[in-house]
Amino acid sequence: MNPEMVTIKVGMEKQPFPIHKELLVYQSKHFRAAFEGGFKEAEDKIVTLTDVHEDDFRMFFHWLYK
């Protein structure tokens, strides 16, 4: 079984962070709505967060996988 991956693009440079969808939507109502709702992000499997600093998201990313 190959788990579904989504991508979060972060910061002005839109640094991509590939993340396991199941893990992300389990921990975040925001991402659950984006990826499991009727939004474009659910189809594209990409969310862009230009107002989030890359280092801040990287800390979240590491927390998510710990």
C-alpha atoms as a PDB file:
ATOM      1  CA  MET A   1       0.000   0.000   0.000  1.00  0.00           C
ATOM      2  CA  ASN A   2       1.360   3.390  -1.013  1.00  0.00           C
ATOM      3  CA  PRO A   3       0.218   6.196   1.361  1.00  0.00           C
ATOM      4  CA  GLU A   4      -1.148   9.334  -0.273  1.00  0.00           C
ATOM      5  CA  MET A   5       1.166  12.331  -0.264  1.00  0.00           C
ATOM      6  CA  VAL A   6       0.272  16.016  -0.413  1.00  0.00           C
ATOM      7  CA  THR A   7       2.505  19.058  -0.780  1.00  0.00           C
ATOM      8  CA  ILE A   8       2.584  22.204   1.311  1.00  0.00           C
ATOM      9  CA  LYS A   9       4.398  25.076  -0.410  1.00  0.00           C
ATOM     10  CA  VAL A  10       5.717  27.506   2.168  1.00  0.00           C
ATOM     11  CA  GLY A  11       6.955  31.091   2.151  1.00  0.00           C
ATOM     12  CA  MET A  12       7.569  33.525  -0.660  1.00  0.00           C
ATOM     13  CA  GLU A  13       9.888  31.004  -2.332  1.00  0.00           C
ATOM     14  CA  LYS A  14       7.144  28.344  -2.107  1.00  0.00           C
ATOM     15  CA  GLN A  15       9.480  25.724  -0.655  1.00  0.00           C
ATOM     16  CA  PRO A  16       7.723  22.347  -1.126  1.00  0.00           C
ATOM     17  CA  PHE A  17       7.174  20.033   1.833  1.00  0.00           C
ATOM     18  CA  PRO A  18       5.793  16.613   0.816  1.00  0.00           C
ATOM     19  CA  ILE A  19       3.757  15.188   3.695  1.00  0.00           C
ATOM     20  CA  HIS A  20       1.678  12.063   4.255  1.00  0.00           C
ATOM     21  CA  LYS A  21      -1.916  13.241   3.926  1.00  0.00           C
ATOM     22  CA  GLU A  22      -3.306  10.901   6.580  1.00  0.00           C
ATOM     23  CA  LEU A  23      -0.891  12.198   9.217  1.00  0.00           C
ATOM     24  CA  LEU A  24      -1.472  15.844   8.323  1.00  0.00           C
ATOM     25  CA  VAL A  25      -5.279  15.747   8.303  1.00  0.00           C
ATOM     26  CA  TYR A  26      -5.304  13.782  11.569  1.00  0.00           C
ATOM     27  CA  GLN A  27      -3.398  16.573  13.333  1.00  0.00           C
ATOM     28  CA  SER A  28      -4.894  19.670  11.665  1.00  0.00           C
ATOM     29  CA  LYS A  29      -8.509  20.735  11.144  1.00  0.00           C
ATOM     30  CA  HIS A  30      -7.276  23.385   8.706  1.00  0.00           C
ATOM     31  CA  PHE A  31      -5.541  20.883   6.444  1.00  0.00           C
ATOM     32  CA  ARG A  32      -8.369  18.367   6.871  1.00  0.00           C
ATOM     33  CA  ALA A  33     -10.811  20.926   5.484  1.00  0.00           C
ATOM     34  CA  ALA A  34      -8.469  21.824   2.631  1.00  0.00           C
ATOM     35  CA  PHE A  35      -7.643  18.283   1.556  1.00  0.00           C
ATOM     36  CA  GLU A  36     -10.931  16.506   2.300  1.00  0.00           C
ATOM     37  CA  GLY A  37     -13.393  19.261   1.455  1.00  0.00           C
ATOM     38  CA  GLY A  38     -14.666  20.491  -1.851  1.00  0.00           C
ATOM     39  CA  PHE A  39     -11.716  22.799  -2.379  1.00  0.00           C
ATOM     40  CA  LYS A  40      -9.263  22.993  -5.266  1.00  0.00           C
ATOM     41  CA  GLU A  41      -6.511  21.847  -2.873  1.00  0.00           C
ATOM     42  CA  ALA A  42      -8.227  18.479  -2.446  1.00  0.00           C
ATOM     43  CA  GLU A  43      -7.952  17.867  -6.173  1.00  0.00           C
ATOM     44  CA  ASP A  44      -4.471  19.372  -6.668  1.00  0.00           C
ATOM     45  CA  LYS A  45      -3.072  17.941  -3.403  1.00  0.00           C
ATOM     46  CA  ILE A  46      -1.187  21.226  -2.889  1.00  0.00           C
ATOM     47  CA  VAL A  47      -1.658  24.016  -0.335  1.00  0.00           C
ATOM     48  CA  THR A  48       0.401  27.203  -0.604  1.00  0.00           C
ATOM     49  CA  LEU A  49       1.174  29.188   2.557  1.00  0.00           C
ATOM     50  CA  THR A  50       3.046  32.323   1.478  1.00  0.00           C
ATOM     51  CA  ASP A  51       2.442  34.047   4.835  1.00  0.00           C
ATOM     52  CA  VAL A  52       4.239  31.330   6.841  1.00  0.00           C
ATOM     53  CA  HIS A  53       8.004  31.416   7.365  1.00  0.00           C
ATOM     54  CA  GLU A  54       9.812  28.340   6.103  1.00  0.00           C
ATOM     55  CA  ASP A  55      11.654  27.770   9.412  1.00  0.00           C
ATOM     56  CA  ASP A  56       8.369  27.870  11.359  1.00  0.00           C
ATOM     57  CA  PHE A  57       6.768  25.315   9.061  1.00  0.00           C
ATOM     58  CA  ARG A  58       9.867  23.142   9.220  1.00  0.00           C
ATOM     59  CA  MET A  59       9.431  22.957  13.028  1.00  0.00           C
ATOM     60  CA  PHE A  60       5.798  21.878  12.517  1.00  0.00           C
ATOM     61  CA  PHE A  61       6.911  19.343   9.916  1.00  0.00           C
ATOM     62  CA  HIS A  62       9.440  17.785  12.314  1.00  0.00           C
ATOM     63  CA  TRP A  63       6.917  17.772  15.153  1.00  0.00           C
ATOM     64  CA  LEU A  64       4.405  16.029  12.895  1.00  0.00           C
ATOM     65  CA  TYR A  65       6.793  13.150  12.207  1.00  0.00           C
ATOM     66  CA  LYS A  66       8.072  12.741  15.784  1.00  0.00           C
END
